[in-house]
Amino acid sequence: MPWKSGPALRGGPCCAFDSDLRVRVVCGKPKTADDREDILLNPTVIFEVLSPSTESYDRGVKFRRYREIESLTDYILIDPSATIGRSVKYC
């Protein structure tokens, strides 16, 4: 279920989707997988909270898969044990 939050999303063409420890933002019309509405095919930004058990996978295999998504411009990794997050921007 989409939700809007923050001044950057209010009144604009973007909306945010959340699930578990991941938030995805899409600008424009959301495209979802035919059989699963929780799978967003055209995210613009993905925020993920890292955990010790999945951090390596999130920074490696998952990041390489996300880079194949044409609409994705930012992948934001949040490390709850650190004081800062890490943003990876690419076009």
C-alpha atoms as a PDB file:
ATOM      1  CA  MET A   1       0.000   0.000   0.000  1.00  0.00           C
ATOM      2  CA  PRO A   2       1.554   3.338  -1.019  1.00  0.00           C
ATOM      3  CA  TRP A   3       1.866   6.223   1.379  1.00  0.00           C
ATOM      4  CA  LYS A   4       3.134   9.760   1.014  1.00  0.00           C
ATOM      5  CA  SER A   5       5.384  11.396   3.522  1.00  0.00           C
ATOM      6  CA  GLY A   6       7.483  14.509   3.892  1.00  0.00           C
ATOM      7  CA  PRO A   7       7.369  17.799   2.021  1.00  0.00           C
ATOM      8  CA  ALA A   8       9.278  16.416  -0.980  1.00  0.00           C
ATOM      9  CA  LEU A   9       6.524  13.864  -1.661  1.00  0.00           C
ATOM     10  CA  ARG A  10       3.441  15.901  -0.776  1.00  0.00           C
ATOM     11  CA  GLY A  11       1.792  17.345  -3.835  1.00  0.00           C
ATOM     12  CA  GLY A  12       4.385  15.847  -6.187  1.00  0.00           C
ATOM     13  CA  PRO A  13       4.372  12.897  -8.563  1.00  0.00           C
ATOM     14  CA  CYS A  14       6.209  10.572  -6.147  1.00  0.00           C
ATOM     15  CA  CYS A  15       4.911   8.157  -3.526  1.00  0.00           C
ATOM     16  CA  ALA A  16       6.590   5.772  -1.100  1.00  0.00           C
ATOM     17  CA  PHE A  17       5.953   2.058  -0.523  1.00  0.00           C
ATOM     18  CA  ASP A  18       7.139   0.261   2.588  1.00  0.00           C
ATOM     19  CA  SER A  19       7.660  -3.392   3.420  1.00  0.00           C
ATOM     20  CA  ASP A  20       9.660  -4.923   6.241  1.00  0.00           C
ATOM     21  CA  LEU A  21      12.927  -2.965   6.469  1.00  0.00           C
ATOM     22  CA  ARG A  22      12.767  -1.445   2.992  1.00  0.00           C
ATOM     23  CA  VAL A  23      11.120   1.706   1.646  1.00  0.00           C
ATOM     24  CA  ARG A  24      10.822   2.293  -2.080  1.00  0.00           C
ATOM     25  CA  VAL A  25       9.925   5.594  -3.741  1.00  0.00           C
ATOM     26  CA  VAL A  26       8.461   5.763  -7.228  1.00  0.00           C
ATOM     27  CA  CYS A  27       7.864   8.898  -9.276  1.00  0.00           C
ATOM     28  CA  GLY A  28       5.041   8.521 -11.760  1.00  0.00           C
ATOM     29  CA  LYS A  29       2.704   5.566 -12.068  1.00  0.00           C
ATOM     30  CA  PRO A  30       3.803   2.519 -10.038  1.00  0.00           C
ATOM     31  CA  LYS A  31       4.328  -0.694 -12.020  1.00  0.00           C
ATOM     32  CA  THR A  32       3.956  -3.938 -10.091  1.00  0.00           C
ATOM     33  CA  ALA A  33       4.489  -7.592 -10.927  1.00  0.00           C
ATOM     34  CA  ASP A  34       1.307  -9.179 -12.295  1.00  0.00           C
ATOM     35  CA  ASP A  35       0.972 -11.746  -9.530  1.00  0.00           C
ATOM     36  CA  ARG A  36       2.412  -9.687  -6.637  1.00  0.00           C
ATOM     37  CA  GLU A  37       1.435  -6.113  -5.919  1.00  0.00           C
ATOM     38  CA  ASP A  38       4.182  -5.867  -3.291  1.00  0.00           C
ATOM     39  CA  ILE A  39       6.863  -6.131  -6.009  1.00  0.00           C
ATOM     40  CA  LEU A  40       7.518  -2.664  -7.424  1.00  0.00           C
ATOM     41  CA  LEU A  41       9.139  -2.823 -10.872  1.00  0.00           C
ATOM     42  CA  ASN A  42       9.966   0.870 -11.331  1.00  0.00           C
ATOM     43  CA  PRO A  43      11.352   2.300  -8.073  1.00  0.00           C
ATOM     44  CA  THR A  44      13.232   5.593  -8.214  1.00  0.00           C
ATOM     45  CA  VAL A  45      14.848   5.292  -4.767  1.00  0.00           C
ATOM     46  CA  ILE A  46      15.254   2.290  -2.435  1.00  0.00           C
ATOM     47  CA  PHE A  47      16.046   2.695   1.276  1.00  0.00           C
ATOM     48  CA  GLU A  48      17.165  -0.450   3.118  1.00  0.00           C
ATOM     49  CA  VAL A  49      18.060  -1.063   6.752  1.00  0.00           C
ATOM     50  CA  LEU A  50      21.067  -3.366   6.981  1.00  0.00           C
ATOM     51  CA  SER A  51      21.319  -6.262   9.380  1.00  0.00           C
ATOM     52  CA  PRO A  52      24.480  -8.214  10.247  1.00  0.00           C
ATOM     53  CA  SER A  53      23.096 -11.384   8.634  1.00  0.00           C
ATOM     54  CA  THR A  54      22.229  -9.762   5.263  1.00  0.00           C
ATOM     55  CA  GLU A  55      24.659  -6.841   4.960  1.00  0.00           C
ATOM     56  CA  SER A  56      27.082  -8.616   2.640  1.00  0.00           C
ATOM     57  CA  TYR A  57      24.257  -9.773   0.350  1.00  0.00           C
ATOM     58  CA  ASP A  58      22.626  -6.305   0.349  1.00  0.00           C
ATOM     59  CA  ARG A  59      25.911  -4.594  -0.594  1.00  0.00           C
ATOM     60  CA  GLY A  60      26.845  -7.228  -3.183  1.00  0.00           C
ATOM     61  CA  VAL A  61      24.399  -9.466  -5.045  1.00  0.00           C
ATOM     62  CA  LYS A  62      21.299  -7.401  -4.286  1.00  0.00           C
ATOM     63  CA  PHE A  63      23.020  -4.136  -5.264  1.00  0.00           C
ATOM     64  CA  ARG A  64      24.128  -5.637  -8.607  1.00  0.00           C
ATOM     65  CA  ARG A  65      20.533  -6.755  -9.280  1.00  0.00           C
ATOM     66  CA  TYR A  66      19.147  -3.338  -8.353  1.00  0.00           C
ATOM     67  CA  ARG A  67      21.551  -1.681 -10.817  1.00  0.00           C
ATOM     68  CA  GLU A  68      19.644  -3.433 -13.610  1.00  0.00           C
ATOM     69  CA  ILE A  69      16.481  -1.441 -12.776  1.00  0.00           C
ATOM     70  CA  GLU A  70      16.405   1.432 -15.281  1.00  0.00           C
ATOM     71  CA  SER A  71      14.261   3.726 -13.136  1.00  0.00           C
ATOM     72  CA  LEU A  72      16.450   3.423 -10.011  1.00  0.00           C
ATOM     73  CA  THR A  73      18.609   6.473  -9.301  1.00  0.00           C
ATOM     74  CA  ASP A  74      19.486   5.963  -5.620  1.00  0.00           C
ATOM     75  CA  TYR A  75      20.051   2.994  -3.291  1.00  0.00           C
ATOM     76  CA  ILE A  76      20.253   4.156   0.337  1.00  0.00           C
ATOM     77  CA  LEU A  77      21.686   1.714   2.886  1.00  0.00           C
ATOM     78  CA  ILE A  78      20.985   2.441   6.550  1.00  0.00           C
ATOM     79  CA  ASP A  79      23.304   0.827   9.096  1.00  0.00           C
ATOM     80  CA  PRO A  80      21.570   0.995  12.483  1.00  0.00           C
ATOM     81  CA  SER A  81      24.872   0.410  14.285  1.00  0.00           C
ATOM     82  CA  ALA A  82      26.517   3.399  12.601  1.00  0.00           C
ATOM     83  CA  THR A  83      25.736   7.073  12.951  1.00  0.00           C
ATOM     84  CA  ILE A  84      25.374   7.621   9.207  1.00  0.00           C
ATOM     85  CA  GLY A  85      23.722   5.974   6.227  1.00  0.00           C
ATOM     86  CA  ARG A  86      25.348   5.364   2.875  1.00  0.00           C
ATOM     87  CA  SER A  87      23.884   6.598  -0.371  1.00  0.00           C
ATOM     88  CA  VAL A  88      24.874   5.129  -3.717  1.00  0.00           C
ATOM     89  CA  LYS A  89      23.781   7.314  -6.631  1.00  0.00           C
ATOM     90  CA  TYR A  90      24.017   6.244 -10.246  1.00  0.00           C
ATOM     91  CA  CYS A  91      22.248   6.872 -13.521  1.00  0.00           C
END
